[in-house]
Amino acid sequence: MFQKSVLDKYIKSIDAELLEQKYKEFLNLLKPTKIKQIKVNKELQYQEGFCKRQTLFIKINKVCLNK
């Protein structure tokens, strides 16, 4: 999909500490209790709560939601 040189350049530019921190935050979302809660909730309820709690996108990616 990408040329090896492009991938190598991108990989070298990644801050390893930041990547590790964000990966740990991501893994925190995969806890069994969190997964069970997601399965129990209806899809729309979870999507609304997902945006309100600002879990994945805002905490990890620093994405802002339009209000």
N, C-alpha and C. Protein backbone atom coordinates (compact mmCIF):
# COMPACT_ATOMS: atom_id res chain seq x y z
N MET A 1 0.82 -1.18 0.00
CA MET A 1 0.00 0.00 0.00
C MET A 1 0.88 1.26 0.00
N PHE A 2 1.90 1.29 0.83
CA PHE A 2 2.83 2.42 0.86
C PHE A 2 4.22 1.93 0.50
N GLN A 3 5.02 2.83 -0.02
CA GLN A 3 6.41 2.48 -0.30
C GLN A 3 7.15 2.31 1.02
N LYS A 4 8.09 1.39 1.03
CA LYS A 4 8.86 1.12 2.25
C LYS A 4 9.56 2.38 2.75
N SER A 5 10.08 3.19 1.87
CA SER A 5 10.79 4.41 2.29
C SER A 5 9.84 5.39 2.99
N VAL A 6 8.60 5.47 2.54
CA VAL A 6 7.61 6.34 3.17
C VAL A 6 7.29 5.83 4.57
N LEU A 7 7.08 4.53 4.70
CA LEU A 7 6.80 3.94 6.01
C LEU A 7 7.97 4.13 6.96
N ASP A 8 9.18 3.88 6.48
CA ASP A 8 10.37 4.03 7.33
C ASP A 8 10.51 5.46 7.83
N LYS A 9 10.29 6.42 6.95
CA LYS A 9 10.38 7.84 7.33
C LYS A 9 9.33 8.17 8.39
N TYR A 10 8.12 7.69 8.20
CA TYR A 10 7.05 7.97 9.15
C TYR A 10 7.33 7.31 10.51
N ILE A 11 7.76 6.08 10.49
CA ILE A 11 8.03 5.35 11.74
C ILE A 11 9.15 6.03 12.53
N LYS A 12 10.17 6.52 11.85
CA LYS A 12 11.27 7.20 12.53
C LYS A 12 10.82 8.52 13.17
N SER A 13 9.77 9.14 12.63
CA SER A 13 9.33 10.44 13.15
C SER A 13 8.38 10.32 14.35
N ILE A 14 7.97 9.11 14.69
CA ILE A 14 7.02 8.91 15.79
C ILE A 14 7.74 9.02 17.13
N ASP A 15 7.16 9.80 18.04
CA ASP A 15 7.69 9.92 19.40
C ASP A 15 7.32 8.65 20.16
N ALA A 16 8.33 7.87 20.53
CA ALA A 16 8.10 6.56 21.16
C ALA A 16 7.38 6.68 22.50
N GLU A 17 7.74 7.67 23.29
CA GLU A 17 7.09 7.84 24.60
C GLU A 17 5.61 8.19 24.45
N LEU A 18 5.32 9.09 23.54
CA LEU A 18 3.93 9.48 23.29
C LEU A 18 3.13 8.31 22.76
N LEU A 19 3.73 7.56 21.86
CA LEU A 19 3.07 6.38 21.31
C LEU A 19 2.75 5.37 22.40
N GLU A 20 3.70 5.12 23.29
CA GLU A 20 3.50 4.18 24.40
C GLU A 20 2.38 4.67 25.32
N GLN A 21 2.37 5.95 25.63
CA GLN A 21 1.34 6.53 26.50
C GLN A 21 -0.05 6.37 25.88
N LYS A 22 -0.17 6.71 24.61
CA LYS A 22 -1.46 6.63 23.93
C LYS A 22 -1.92 5.18 23.78
N TYR A 23 -0.97 4.26 23.59
CA TYR A 23 -1.31 2.84 23.48
C TYR A 23 -1.86 2.32 24.81
N LYS A 24 -1.26 2.76 25.91
CA LYS A 24 -1.76 2.37 27.23
C LYS A 24 -3.17 2.90 27.47
N GLU A 25 -3.43 4.14 27.03
CA GLU A 25 -4.78 4.70 27.15
C GLU A 25 -5.77 3.88 26.32
N PHE A 26 -5.34 3.48 25.14
CA PHE A 26 -6.20 2.66 24.28
C PHE A 26 -6.50 1.31 24.93
N LEU A 27 -5.47 0.68 25.50
CA LEU A 27 -5.67 -0.62 26.17
C LEU A 27 -6.61 -0.49 27.36
N ASN A 28 -6.59 0.65 28.01
CA ASN A 28 -7.48 0.89 29.14
C ASN A 28 -8.95 0.79 28.71
N LEU A 29 -9.21 1.15 27.47
CA LEU A 29 -10.58 1.08 26.94
C LEU A 29 -11.00 -0.36 26.63
N LEU A 30 -10.04 -1.28 26.61
CA LEU A 30 -10.34 -2.66 26.26
C LEU A 30 -10.50 -3.56 27.48
N LYS A 31 -10.64 -2.98 28.65
CA LYS A 31 -10.84 -3.77 29.86
C LYS A 31 -12.13 -4.57 29.75
N PRO A 32 -12.18 -5.77 30.30
CA PRO A 32 -13.37 -6.62 30.20
C PRO A 32 -14.64 -5.93 30.69
N THR A 33 -14.55 -5.14 31.75
CA THR A 33 -15.76 -4.46 32.25
C THR A 33 -16.26 -3.44 31.25
N LYS A 34 -15.35 -2.75 30.58
CA LYS A 34 -15.72 -1.75 29.57
C LYS A 34 -16.36 -2.45 28.36
N ILE A 35 -15.79 -3.56 27.94
CA ILE A 35 -16.33 -4.30 26.80
C ILE A 35 -17.72 -4.83 27.12
N LYS A 36 -17.90 -5.36 28.32
CA LYS A 36 -19.21 -5.87 28.72
C LYS A 36 -20.25 -4.74 28.71
N GLN A 37 -19.85 -3.58 29.22
CA GLN A 37 -20.75 -2.43 29.24
C GLN A 37 -21.16 -2.03 27.82
N ILE A 38 -20.21 -2.05 26.91
CA ILE A 38 -20.50 -1.70 25.52
C ILE A 38 -21.47 -2.70 24.90
N LYS A 39 -21.28 -3.97 25.18
CA LYS A 39 -22.16 -5.00 24.62
C LYS A 39 -23.58 -4.88 25.14
N VAL A 40 -23.72 -4.46 26.39
CA VAL A 40 -25.04 -4.36 27.00
C VAL A 40 -25.81 -3.16 26.46
N ASN A 41 -25.12 -2.07 26.27
CA ASN A 41 -25.78 -0.84 25.81
C ASN A 41 -26.25 -0.98 24.37
N LYS A 42 -27.32 -0.30 24.07
CA LYS A 42 -27.76 -0.25 22.68
C LYS A 42 -26.77 0.60 21.90
N GLU A 43 -26.67 0.36 20.63
CA GLU A 43 -25.67 1.05 19.81
C GLU A 43 -25.81 2.57 19.88
N LEU A 44 -27.00 3.07 19.75
CA LEU A 44 -27.18 4.53 19.77
C LEU A 44 -26.86 5.13 21.12
N GLN A 45 -27.22 4.44 22.19
CA GLN A 45 -26.91 4.94 23.52
C GLN A 45 -25.40 5.02 23.70
N TYR A 46 -24.71 4.02 23.25
CA TYR A 46 -23.26 4.03 23.41
C TYR A 46 -22.64 5.15 22.57
N GLN A 47 -23.10 5.33 21.33
CA GLN A 47 -22.54 6.37 20.49
C GLN A 47 -22.72 7.75 21.12
N GLU A 48 -23.89 8.00 21.67
CA GLU A 48 -24.14 9.29 22.32
C GLU A 48 -23.23 9.44 23.54
N GLY A 49 -23.16 8.40 24.37
CA GLY A 49 -22.32 8.44 25.55
C GLY A 49 -20.84 8.53 25.20
N PHE A 50 -20.46 7.90 24.12
CA PHE A 50 -19.08 7.92 23.66
C PHE A 50 -18.64 9.36 23.40
N CYS A 51 -19.49 10.11 22.71
CA CYS A 51 -19.15 11.49 22.40
C CYS A 51 -19.18 12.37 23.65
N LYS A 52 -20.16 12.15 24.50
CA LYS A 52 -20.29 12.98 25.70
C LYS A 52 -19.14 12.75 26.68
N ARG A 53 -18.74 11.52 26.84
CA ARG A 53 -17.66 11.21 27.79
C ARG A 53 -16.29 11.54 27.21
N GLN A 54 -16.25 11.78 25.92
CA GLN A 54 -15.01 12.16 25.24
C GLN A 54 -13.91 11.12 25.49
N THR A 55 -14.24 9.86 25.30
CA THR A 55 -13.28 8.81 25.62
C THR A 55 -12.14 8.71 24.60
N LEU A 56 -12.35 8.03 23.54
CA LEU A 56 -11.25 7.69 22.65
C LEU A 56 -10.72 8.87 21.84
N PHE A 57 -11.58 9.54 21.08
CA PHE A 57 -11.10 10.55 20.14
C PHE A 57 -10.48 11.76 20.81
N ILE A 58 -11.11 12.26 21.83
CA ILE A 58 -10.58 13.48 22.45
C ILE A 58 -9.39 13.18 23.34
N LYS A 59 -9.47 12.17 24.17
CA LYS A 59 -8.37 11.88 25.09
C LYS A 59 -7.12 11.40 24.36
N ILE A 60 -7.30 10.62 23.35
CA ILE A 60 -6.14 10.05 22.67
C ILE A 60 -5.70 10.89 21.48
N ASN A 61 -6.65 11.30 20.65
CA ASN A 61 -6.31 12.00 19.43
C ASN A 61 -6.43 13.51 19.51
N LYS A 62 -6.96 14.02 20.62
CA LYS A 62 -7.16 15.45 20.81
C LYS A 62 -8.08 16.05 19.74
N VAL A 63 -9.11 15.29 19.35
CA VAL A 63 -10.08 15.75 18.38
C VAL A 63 -11.15 16.54 19.12
N CYS A 64 -11.57 17.67 18.58
CA CYS A 64 -12.60 18.49 19.21
C CYS A 64 -13.95 18.20 18.53
N LEU A 65 -14.99 18.14 19.35
CA LEU A 65 -16.33 17.93 18.82
C LEU A 65 -17.01 19.29 18.64
N ASN A 66 -17.76 19.44 17.55
CA ASN A 66 -18.56 20.65 17.36
C ASN A 66 -19.76 20.58 18.27
N LYS A 67 -20.06 21.66 18.95
CA LYS A 67 -21.20 21.67 19.86
C LYS A 67 -22.36 22.42 19.25
